[in-house]
Structures are given as structure tokens and as C-alpha cells.
Amino acid sequence: MMLSGVPNSAFTVGYTNSSWTLKADLVSEYVCRILNYMDAGGYAVQVPRADPAMERHALLDFGAGYIQRSIDELPKQGAAWPWRLRMNYVADVLSIRHGALADSAMEFRRPHAKPD
């Protein structure tokens, strides 16, 4: 949904084992939650931050030729949540729809705040 170090940005990767739009809807809800949290807290910037030492894996485990031909060009995912793309709707509902927004993986800054 987000790339480490890229501020105020999100993208959608749906499920490859179920309806693509189930995950797309959850991602849209999450982005709205983030925007509402930022508005309420007076934040202008959100930046996801991954541990640089984290193990990286291919973004998709999907055998289609068009994916396999471009897999090296796609962003990578981490080994564990929140950096791991899950293909489990129930787990995603719990974490994406109801999980905490402010945690060690997400940095929020107010206008004119300098990064650490």
C-alpha cells in the first residue's frame, strides 16, 4: 500500500487469490483513515519507514507471465507485517480497517517540521 521513504503516497495491490476489489476497498479505507488522522492532528506529511536491514522479497507470488517478466522492476515487500502483502481478507480487515495508524513504521509531521 505504501513505499518506505515515499511521503504522502499510496498504491493498491489487490488479492490474487480472491476478488481484487476486496483488498482495493480496504486500501481505500486505510488511506481515508490516514487522511482523517492527519487532518485531525494537523499533520501535513506521513512517511512509512522500514528497517533498512529488513529482509526483502518479491512483491507478488503469482505465476502469470506478465508478472514474472516484470517482477524485478516491482517494489519489494518485507518479511512481516506491515511490510508483508497478505492474501488473507480476515487478517487484513483486522489490521487495515481496525489497526493503529500511528506506530513505529509510520512517521507523521506537521507543516514546516524538519525530518529527524
Protein backbone atom coordinates (compact mmCIF):
# COMPACT_ATOMS: atom_id res chain seq x y z
CA MET A 1 0.00 0.00 0.00
CA MET A 2 2.88 2.38 0.74
CA LEU A 3 6.57 2.55 -0.08
CA SER A 4 9.17 3.17 2.59
CA GLY A 5 10.52 6.71 2.45
CA VAL A 6 7.94 7.96 -0.06
CA PRO A 7 5.79 10.65 1.59
CA ASN A 8 2.04 11.11 1.13
CA SER A 9 1.68 8.30 -1.35
CA ALA A 10 -0.19 5.00 -1.61
CA PHE A 11 -0.92 2.36 -4.21
CA THR A 12 -3.17 -0.66 -4.43
CA VAL A 13 -2.35 -4.30 -4.98
CA GLY A 14 -5.45 -6.44 -4.73
CA TYR A 15 -5.80 -10.10 -3.92
CA THR A 16 -4.57 -12.61 -6.48
CA ASN A 17 -6.40 -15.44 -4.70
CA SER A 18 -9.77 -13.69 -4.36
CA SER A 19 -11.58 -10.60 -5.59
CA TRP A 20 -9.04 -7.87 -6.37
CA THR A 21 -11.51 -5.22 -5.23
CA LEU A 22 -11.84 -6.63 -1.70
CA LYS A 23 -8.27 -5.53 -0.99
CA ALA A 24 -8.62 -2.36 -3.07
CA ASP A 25 -11.57 -1.32 -0.91
CA LEU A 26 -9.58 -1.94 2.28
CA VAL A 27 -6.65 0.09 0.96
CA SER A 28 -9.01 2.95 0.08
CA GLU A 29 -10.48 2.88 3.59
CA TYR A 30 -6.97 2.90 5.08
CA VAL A 31 -5.93 5.91 3.01
CA CYS A 32 -9.09 7.73 4.16
CA ARG A 33 -8.29 6.83 7.79
CA ILE A 34 -4.76 8.21 7.34
CA LEU A 35 -6.06 11.43 5.78
CA ASN A 36 -8.62 11.92 8.56
CA TYR A 37 -5.94 11.24 11.21
CA MET A 38 -3.63 13.76 9.56
CA ASP A 39 -6.39 16.37 9.31
CA ALA A 40 -7.41 15.92 12.96
CA GLY A 41 -3.80 16.09 14.17
CA GLY A 42 -2.68 18.96 11.98
CA TYR A 43 -0.19 16.78 10.09
CA ALA A 44 0.92 17.60 6.55
CA VAL A 45 3.20 14.64 5.85
CA GLN A 46 3.16 10.92 6.53
CA VAL A 47 6.13 8.74 5.66
CA PRO A 48 6.31 4.98 6.14
CA ARG A 49 9.75 3.90 7.38
CA ALA A 50 11.06 0.35 7.03
CA ASP A 51 14.10 -1.01 8.83
CA PRO A 52 16.89 -0.92 6.21
CA ALA A 53 18.12 -4.31 7.44
CA MET A 54 14.74 -5.96 6.86
CA GLU A 55 14.75 -8.95 4.53
CA ARG A 56 13.09 -8.19 1.17
CA HIS A 57 11.00 -10.48 -1.05
CA ALA A 58 9.24 -10.21 -4.40
CA LEU A 59 6.02 -8.21 -4.17
CA LEU A 60 3.79 -10.88 -5.71
CA ASP A 61 3.87 -14.67 -5.55
CA PHE A 62 1.95 -15.04 -8.77
CA GLY A 63 2.95 -17.22 -11.70
CA ALA A 64 1.44 -15.21 -14.56
CA GLY A 65 3.99 -14.49 -17.28
CA TYR A 66 3.36 -10.74 -17.32
CA ILE A 67 4.14 -10.61 -13.59
CA GLN A 68 7.18 -12.87 -13.81
CA ARG A 69 8.68 -10.83 -16.67
CA SER A 70 8.49 -7.64 -14.59
CA ILE A 71 8.97 -8.97 -11.04
CA ASP A 72 12.44 -7.42 -10.71
CA GLU A 73 11.03 -3.99 -11.62
CA LEU A 74 8.27 -4.07 -8.98
CA PRO A 75 8.70 -2.80 -5.43
CA LYS A 76 9.75 -5.39 -2.85
CA GLN A 77 7.93 -6.41 0.30
CA GLY A 78 9.27 -7.25 3.74
CA ALA A 79 9.19 -10.45 5.73
CA ALA A 80 6.47 -9.43 8.24
CA TRP A 81 3.50 -7.11 8.72
CA PRO A 82 3.19 -4.20 7.98
CA TRP A 83 5.68 -4.71 5.17
CA ARG A 84 4.27 -8.08 4.03
CA LEU A 85 1.47 -8.21 1.44
CA ARG A 86 -1.06 -10.68 2.79
CA MET A 87 -3.63 -12.56 0.78
CA ASN A 88 -5.97 -13.01 3.75
CA TYR A 89 -9.09 -10.84 3.88
CA VAL A 90 -9.96 -11.52 7.54
CA ALA A 91 -6.45 -10.67 8.76
CA ASP A 92 -6.41 -7.57 6.55
CA VAL A 93 -9.77 -6.34 7.87
CA LEU A 94 -8.43 -6.54 11.42
CA SER A 95 -5.15 -4.77 10.71
CA ILE A 96 -6.06 -2.38 7.88
CA ARG A 97 -9.56 -1.37 8.94
CA HIS A 98 -9.09 -1.52 12.72
CA GLY A 99 -5.32 -1.38 13.36
CA ALA A 100 -3.37 1.53 14.79
CA LEU A 101 -2.33 4.27 12.39
CA ALA A 102 0.49 5.76 14.43
CA ASP A 103 3.15 3.14 15.09
CA SER A 104 6.91 2.69 14.74
CA ALA A 105 6.58 2.15 10.96
CA MET A 106 4.81 5.46 10.26
CA GLU A 107 6.15 8.97 10.71
CA PHE A 108 3.77 11.95 10.81
CA ARG A 109 4.99 15.55 10.53
CA ARG A 110 3.25 18.86 10.92
CA PRO A 111 3.82 21.64 8.37
CA HIS A 112 7.34 23.03 8.35
CA ALA A 113 8.63 20.31 10.69
CA LYS A 114 12.11 19.18 9.74
CA PRO A 115 12.73 15.40 9.47
CA ASP A 116 14.90 13.74 12.12
